[in-house]
Protein backbone atom coordinates (compact mmCIF):
# COMPACT_ATOMS: atom_id res chain seq x y z
CA MET A 1 -108.48 -267.00 146.53
CA THR A 2 -108.72 -263.89 148.70
CA GLY A 3 -111.95 -262.66 150.20
CA CYS A 4 -112.29 -259.70 147.83
CA GLN A 5 -111.83 -261.96 144.84
CA SER A 6 -114.55 -264.33 146.00
CA THR A 7 -117.07 -261.56 146.74
CA CYS A 8 -116.13 -259.33 143.80
CA PRO A 9 -115.10 -261.62 140.93
CA PRO A 10 -113.12 -259.88 138.17
CA PRO A 11 -115.30 -259.22 135.13
CA ASP A 12 -115.06 -261.55 132.15
CA LEU A 13 -113.81 -259.37 129.30
CA ARG A 14 -115.77 -261.43 126.78
CA ALA A 15 -118.96 -260.24 128.49
CA LEU A 16 -118.07 -256.58 127.89
CA THR A 17 -119.17 -255.00 124.63
CA GLY A 18 -116.29 -252.52 124.68
CA TYR A 19 -113.78 -255.37 124.69
CA LEU A 20 -115.63 -257.26 121.95
CA LEU A 21 -115.89 -254.06 119.94
CA ARG A 22 -112.13 -253.69 120.12
CA ARG A 23 -111.66 -257.27 118.90
CA ALA A 24 -114.19 -256.74 116.09
CA PHE A 25 -112.41 -253.51 115.13
CA VAL A 26 -109.12 -255.38 114.78
CA ARG A 27 -110.84 -258.00 112.60
CA ALA A 28 -112.54 -255.36 110.46
CA ALA A 29 -109.30 -253.45 109.94
CA SER A 30 -107.52 -256.66 108.97
CA ALA A 31 -110.25 -257.63 106.50
CA ALA A 32 -110.09 -254.19 104.86
CA ARG A 33 -106.28 -254.19 104.63
CA GLU A 34 -106.29 -257.60 102.97
CA CYS A 35 -108.72 -256.48 100.29
CA ILE A 36 -107.27 -253.14 99.22
CA PRO A 37 -103.94 -252.58 97.44
CA ALA A 38 -100.80 -252.48 99.57
CA GLY A 39 -99.81 -248.97 100.60
CA GLU A 40 -103.38 -247.65 100.68
CA HIS A 41 -105.58 -247.07 103.72
CA VAL A 42 -109.32 -247.31 104.35
CA ARG A 43 -109.23 -243.74 105.66
CA GLU A 44 -108.22 -242.61 102.18
CA ILE A 45 -111.31 -244.31 100.75
CA ALA A 46 -113.47 -242.48 103.30
CA ILE A 47 -111.87 -239.17 102.31
CA MET A 48 -112.54 -239.81 98.63
CA ALA A 49 -116.13 -240.77 99.45
CA ILE A 50 -116.64 -237.49 101.31
CA LEU A 51 -115.21 -235.48 98.42
CA ALA A 52 -117.33 -237.42 95.91
CA GLU A 53 -120.49 -236.61 97.88
CA ARG A 54 -119.80 -233.06 99.01
CA GLY A 55 -117.59 -231.65 96.29
CA ALA A 56 -114.78 -229.33 97.31
CA VAL A 57 -114.23 -229.29 101.09
CA SER A 58 -111.45 -228.08 103.36
CA GLN A 59 -108.99 -230.24 105.25
CA ARG A 60 -110.56 -228.96 108.46
CA GLU A 61 -113.98 -230.26 107.39
CA LEU A 62 -112.44 -233.62 106.50
CA ALA A 63 -110.90 -233.80 109.96
CA ASP A 64 -114.26 -233.03 111.58
CA VAL A 65 -116.16 -235.67 109.61
CA THR A 66 -113.55 -238.42 109.85
CA HIS A 67 -112.48 -237.64 113.45
CA VAL A 68 -108.86 -237.85 112.28
CA ASN A 69 -106.45 -235.26 113.67
CA ARG A 70 -105.48 -232.53 111.24
CA SER A 71 -101.83 -233.50 111.04
CA LEU A 72 -102.78 -236.99 109.85
CA ILE A 73 -105.37 -235.56 107.45
CA VAL A 74 -102.60 -233.52 105.82
CA LYS A 75 -100.50 -236.66 105.34
CA LEU A 76 -103.42 -238.65 103.93
CA VAL A 77 -104.28 -235.85 101.49
CA ASP A 78 -100.60 -235.57 100.51
CA ASP A 79 -100.63 -239.26 99.60
CA LEU A 80 -103.84 -238.92 97.60
CA GLU A 81 -102.46 -235.90 95.80
CA ALA A 82 -99.24 -237.75 94.97
CA ARG A 83 -101.30 -240.51 93.33
CA GLY A 84 -103.14 -237.96 91.24
CA TRP A 85 -106.50 -238.59 92.92
CA VAL A 86 -106.95 -235.29 94.78
CA VAL A 87 -106.05 -231.71 93.93
CA ARG A 88 -105.74 -228.76 96.29
CA ASP A 89 -107.20 -225.43 95.20
CA ARG A 90 -107.09 -222.20 97.14
CA ASN A 91 -110.37 -221.66 98.93
CA PRO A 92 -111.93 -218.56 97.31
CA GLU A 93 -113.62 -217.71 100.61
CA ASP A 94 -110.44 -218.07 102.68
CA ARG A 95 -107.15 -217.77 100.81
CA ARG A 96 -105.31 -219.21 103.81
CA SER A 97 -106.95 -222.62 103.36
CA TYR A 98 -107.37 -225.16 100.58
CA ALA A 99 -110.46 -226.68 98.99
CA LEU A 100 -109.93 -230.31 98.04
CA ARG A 101 -111.57 -232.05 95.11
CA LEU A 102 -111.34 -235.39 93.35
CA THR A 103 -109.77 -235.82 89.95
CA PRO A 104 -111.66 -237.72 87.21
CA GLN A 105 -109.31 -240.68 87.73
CA ALA A 106 -110.21 -240.80 91.43
CA HIS A 107 -113.89 -241.49 90.73
CA ALA A 108 -112.94 -244.67 88.85
CA VAL A 109 -110.55 -245.67 91.63
CA LEU A 110 -113.22 -245.08 94.26
CA ALA A 111 -115.60 -247.44 92.45
CA GLU A 112 -112.88 -250.13 92.43
CA ARG A 113 -112.15 -249.64 96.12
CA HIS A 114 -115.81 -250.05 97.00
CA GLN A 115 -115.70 -253.43 95.25
CA ASP A 116 -112.57 -254.28 97.25
CA LEU A 117 -114.32 -253.34 100.50
CA ASP A 118 -117.35 -255.42 99.50
CA ARG A 119 -115.14 -258.54 99.57
CA GLY A 120 -113.70 -257.72 102.97
CA GLU A 121 -117.16 -256.89 104.31
CA ALA A 122 -118.58 -260.19 103.08
CA HIS A 123 -115.90 -262.10 104.97
CA LEU A 124 -116.25 -259.99 108.12
CA MET A 125 -120.02 -260.47 108.28
CA GLU A 126 -120.06 -264.12 107.20
CA PRO A 127 -120.85 -265.50 110.72
CA LEU A 128 -124.14 -263.52 110.79
CA THR A 129 -127.36 -264.16 108.92
CA PRO A 130 -128.64 -261.39 106.59
CA ASP A 131 -131.18 -260.30 109.22
CA GLU A 132 -128.52 -260.28 111.95
CA ARG A 133 -126.22 -258.22 109.76
CA GLN A 134 -128.86 -255.57 109.21
CA ARG A 135 -129.84 -255.44 112.89
CA PHE A 136 -126.19 -255.18 113.86
CA LYS A 137 -125.63 -252.23 111.52
CA ASP A 138 -128.85 -250.63 112.74
CA HIS A 139 -127.61 -250.85 116.35
CA LEU A 140 -124.27 -249.31 115.40
CA THR A 141 -126.06 -246.50 113.60
CA VAL A 142 -128.14 -245.81 116.72
CA LEU A 143 -124.97 -245.81 118.80
CA LEU A 144 -123.50 -243.20 116.42
CA THR A 145 -126.58 -240.96 116.38
CA GLY A 146 -125.49 -237.37 115.82
CA ASP A 147 -121.98 -238.36 114.76
CA GLU A 148 -120.67 -236.72 111.57
CA ALA A 149 -119.26 -240.04 110.39
CA VAL A 150 -122.71 -241.47 109.59
CA THR A 151 -123.46 -238.57 107.23
CA VAL A 152 -121.10 -240.11 104.65
CA THR A 153 -123.72 -242.12 102.80
CA MET A 154 -121.24 -244.11 100.69
CA MET A 155 -119.69 -245.54 103.86
CA ALA A 156 -122.50 -245.41 106.43
CA ASP A 157 -123.94 -248.81 105.49
CA ARG A 158 -120.61 -250.62 105.84
CA ALA A 159 -120.22 -252.61 109.04
CA GLY A 160 -116.44 -252.17 109.06
CA TYR A 161 -116.77 -248.39 108.84
CA LEU A 162 -119.45 -248.30 111.54
CA ILE A 163 -117.39 -250.59 113.80
CA ALA A 164 -114.36 -248.30 113.46
CA HIS A 165 -116.31 -245.22 114.48
CA ALA A 166 -118.24 -247.02 117.23
CA HIS A 167 -114.91 -248.22 118.60
CA ARG A 168 -113.59 -244.65 118.58
CA LEU A 169 -116.71 -243.39 120.38
CA VAL A 170 -116.90 -246.12 123.03
CA ARG A 171 -113.16 -245.83 123.66
CA SER A 172 -113.61 -242.13 124.41
CA TRP A 173 -116.40 -242.99 126.87
CA ALA A 174 -114.21 -245.62 128.49
CA GLU A 175 -111.25 -243.27 128.83
CA ALA A 176 -113.49 -240.73 130.58
CA GLY A 177 -115.00 -243.44 132.80
CA PHE A 178 -111.67 -244.82 133.96
CA ALA A 179 -109.98 -241.44 134.43
CA PRO A 180 -111.06 -241.08 138.10
CA LEU A 181 -109.22 -244.35 138.84
CA ASP A 182 -106.12 -243.20 136.97
CA LEU A 183 -106.59 -246.10 134.57
CA HIS A 184 -106.66 -246.44 130.82
CA PRO A 185 -109.18 -248.94 129.35
CA ARG A 186 -106.30 -251.18 128.28
CA ASP A 187 -105.00 -251.13 131.87
CA PHE A 188 -108.35 -252.37 133.07
CA GLY A 189 -108.21 -255.12 130.43
CA VAL A 190 -104.84 -256.30 131.72
CA LEU A 191 -105.94 -256.20 135.37
CA ALA A 192 -109.21 -258.03 134.61
CA ALA A 193 -107.44 -260.72 132.60
CA LEU A 194 -104.90 -261.26 135.37
CA GLY A 195 -107.64 -261.29 137.99
CA ARG A 196 -109.18 -264.32 136.30
CA HIS A 197 -106.07 -266.14 135.05
CA GLU A 198 -103.04 -265.21 137.15
CA PRO A 199 -100.31 -266.14 137.12
CA CYS A 200 -99.87 -266.12 133.37
CA SER A 201 -97.06 -265.41 130.96
CA GLN A 202 -96.89 -262.27 128.90
CA ASN A 203 -97.64 -264.33 125.77
CA GLN A 204 -100.75 -265.81 127.41
CA LEU A 205 -101.81 -262.34 128.46
CA ALA A 206 -101.34 -261.06 124.91
CA ALA A 207 -103.49 -263.88 123.53
CA SER A 208 -106.19 -263.19 126.11
CA LEU A 209 -106.31 -259.50 125.17
CA GLY A 210 -105.97 -260.02 121.43
CA VAL A 211 -102.82 -257.91 121.10
CA THR A 212 -99.24 -258.65 120.12
CA PRO A 213 -96.64 -259.73 122.73
CA PRO A 214 -94.60 -256.53 122.22
CA ALA A 215 -97.73 -254.46 122.87
CA VAL A 216 -98.59 -256.31 126.06
CA LEU A 217 -94.98 -255.95 127.22
CA ALA A 218 -95.39 -252.16 127.11
CA PHE A 219 -98.70 -252.40 129.02
CA VAL A 220 -97.14 -254.59 131.73
CA ASP A 221 -94.10 -252.30 132.00
CA GLU A 222 -96.37 -249.32 132.68
CA LEU A 223 -98.52 -251.16 135.22
CA GLU A 224 -95.43 -252.50 136.96
CA GLN A 225 -94.14 -248.96 137.35
CA LYS A 226 -97.49 -248.03 138.95
CA GLY A 227 -97.14 -250.95 141.37
CA LEU A 228 -100.25 -252.71 140.07
CA VAL A 229 -98.61 -255.88 138.67
CA ALA A 230 -95.44 -257.84 139.37
CA ARG A 231 -93.25 -260.16 137.29
CA SER A 232 -91.37 -263.18 138.52
CA ARG A 233 -89.37 -265.97 136.86
CA ASN A 234 -91.43 -268.95 135.79
CA ARG A 235 -90.47 -271.97 137.88
CA ASP A 236 -90.56 -274.35 134.91
CA ASP A 237 -88.97 -272.03 132.35
CA ARG A 238 -86.49 -269.57 133.74
CA ARG A 239 -86.48 -267.69 130.42
CA ALA A 240 -90.14 -266.74 130.88
CA TYR A 241 -91.91 -264.47 133.36
CA ASP A 242 -95.18 -264.92 135.21
CA VAL A 243 -97.30 -261.81 135.65
CA THR A 244 -99.50 -261.40 138.74
CA LEU A 245 -101.51 -258.68 140.42
CA THR A 246 -100.05 -256.89 143.42
CA SER A 247 -102.21 -256.13 146.45
CA ARG A 248 -102.55 -252.59 145.09
CA GLY A 249 -103.58 -253.96 141.69
CA ARG A 250 -106.24 -256.16 143.29
CA ALA A 251 -107.58 -253.18 145.21
CA ARG A 252 -107.77 -251.13 142.00
CA LEU A 253 -109.54 -253.96 140.19
CA ARG A 254 -111.91 -254.43 143.14
CA ALA A 255 -112.79 -250.73 143.05
CA GLU A 256 -113.67 -251.04 139.37
CA SER A 257 -115.55 -254.33 139.85
CA ASN A 258 -117.68 -252.67 142.53
CA ASN A 259 -118.51 -249.85 140.13
CA GLY A 260 -120.12 -251.79 137.28
CA SER A 261 -121.48 -248.54 135.82
CA ARG A 262 -118.13 -247.92 134.19
CA ARG A 263 -117.79 -251.33 132.62
CA ASP A 264 -120.01 -251.37 129.57
CA TRP A 265 -121.21 -248.26 127.77
CA ALA A 266 -122.52 -249.50 124.43
CA PRO A 267 -125.44 -251.63 125.73
CA ARG A 268 -126.66 -248.70 127.83
CA ALA A 269 -126.72 -246.62 124.64
CA ILE A 270 -128.71 -249.38 122.86
CA PRO A 271 -130.86 -250.88 125.65
CA SER A 272 -133.42 -252.43 123.28
CA CYS A 273 -131.24 -255.38 122.31
CA ALA A 274 -127.95 -255.33 124.19
CA ALA A 275 -127.66 -259.12 124.20
CA CYS A 276 -127.84 -259.59 120.42
CA PHE A 277 -125.58 -256.58 119.93
CA SER A 278 -122.91 -258.23 122.08
CA SER A 279 -123.43 -261.66 120.52
CA SER A 280 -122.84 -260.19 117.06
CA PHE A 281 -119.56 -258.69 118.25
CA LEU A 282 -118.59 -262.02 119.78
CA ALA A 283 -119.23 -263.87 116.52
CA MET A 284 -117.16 -261.43 114.48
CA SER A 285 -114.38 -261.01 117.02
CA GLU A 286 -113.69 -264.73 116.81
CA ARG A 287 -113.74 -264.72 113.00
CA SER A 288 -110.47 -265.67 111.32
CA PRO A 289 -108.71 -263.01 109.21
CA VAL A 290 -109.26 -262.92 105.47
CA PRO A 291 -107.49 -266.00 104.06
CA PRO A 292 -104.63 -265.33 101.62
CA ARG A 293 -106.53 -266.95 98.75
CA CYS A 294 -109.13 -264.19 99.02
CA GLY A 295 -106.56 -261.43 98.92
CA LEU A 296 -105.84 -259.24 95.94
CA ARG A 297 -103.44 -259.89 93.14
CA HIS A 298 -101.91 -256.63 91.98
CA THR A 299 -100.54 -256.28 88.47
CA LYS A 300 -99.24 -253.26 86.63
CA ILE A 301 -100.92 -252.28 83.40
CA ALA A 302 -100.28 -249.43 81.01
CA THR A 303 -102.86 -246.65 80.87
CA ASP A 304 -103.69 -244.69 77.74
CA SER A 305 -101.20 -242.05 78.84
CA GLY A 306 -98.42 -244.63 78.98
CA ARG A 307 -98.12 -244.47 82.78
CA LEU A 308 -98.25 -247.64 84.83
CA ARG A 309 -100.87 -248.26 87.46
CA ARG A 310 -101.94 -251.27 89.51
CA ARG A 311 -105.05 -253.26 88.83
CA SER A 312 -106.49 -255.34 91.65
CA ARG A 313 -108.14 -258.70 91.09
CA CYS A 314 -109.60 -261.01 93.71
CA THR A 315 -107.57 -264.23 93.44
CA CYS A 316 -110.32 -266.37 94.99
CA GLN A 317 -112.17 -266.05 91.69
CA SER A 318 -109.20 -267.30 89.69
């Protein structure tokens, strides 16, 4: 071990709320996907909730509340319109824009989707006691103080929804914090993981970061081009590569390790109970995905109009 490594040990990612928040976000997204019909997205449910609460709103307002870029909002609204759940009317105050509103069918669908999300939420929060769940959501709400996302009352009490927006917010803080070092938060994650476990294979690195091997391959490629990591053939398996830090990579990691102020933003925003906030993330980030038996069984049934639509039923109750 070099001198800088002994005096400035690389941070343990599991001690950083931003890292745990990312892992919890992945779990929450997985739980939601497993409990809503294939081809639909949780963002669409949020859009319908906004329209149900506020009435006719513009696509620009939807983008502001959801923090989704306008191009993606257009696509999401297109999909909702194609399903017959949203209609676009010309805005009487600005003929260049549209006012969006829900159809009568959409209100029934929205009620069903909230039941679907309830199942995913129950699984996501299962490791926590009822009191811990409420405290956790309270902390997330404090973290999101002043954010438009928490004004959507139908969604603002859902941990998965709050996690998604907290992840977005903390990621933006992290990106700004690492910018002076010419690093992205994911770059820091790779460097920190290697600093504690090098040499390791790309698969081991992917498992440590909680991402797929193809994703970590792209991260390593970029860092190798910057001269921060190096790859070499594994001595025992010539088909595999070991990834290590270069001297430049160690210096970059040391610079970050010496500047702990950039490491963890969320606890500083919620100083009253940073430890329990992080422990809640840790419990959920290690939670297994929604098991297949608790997924949804989709069947097609005829409506009064003769058209076919899907009905979702939780198979764990079968």
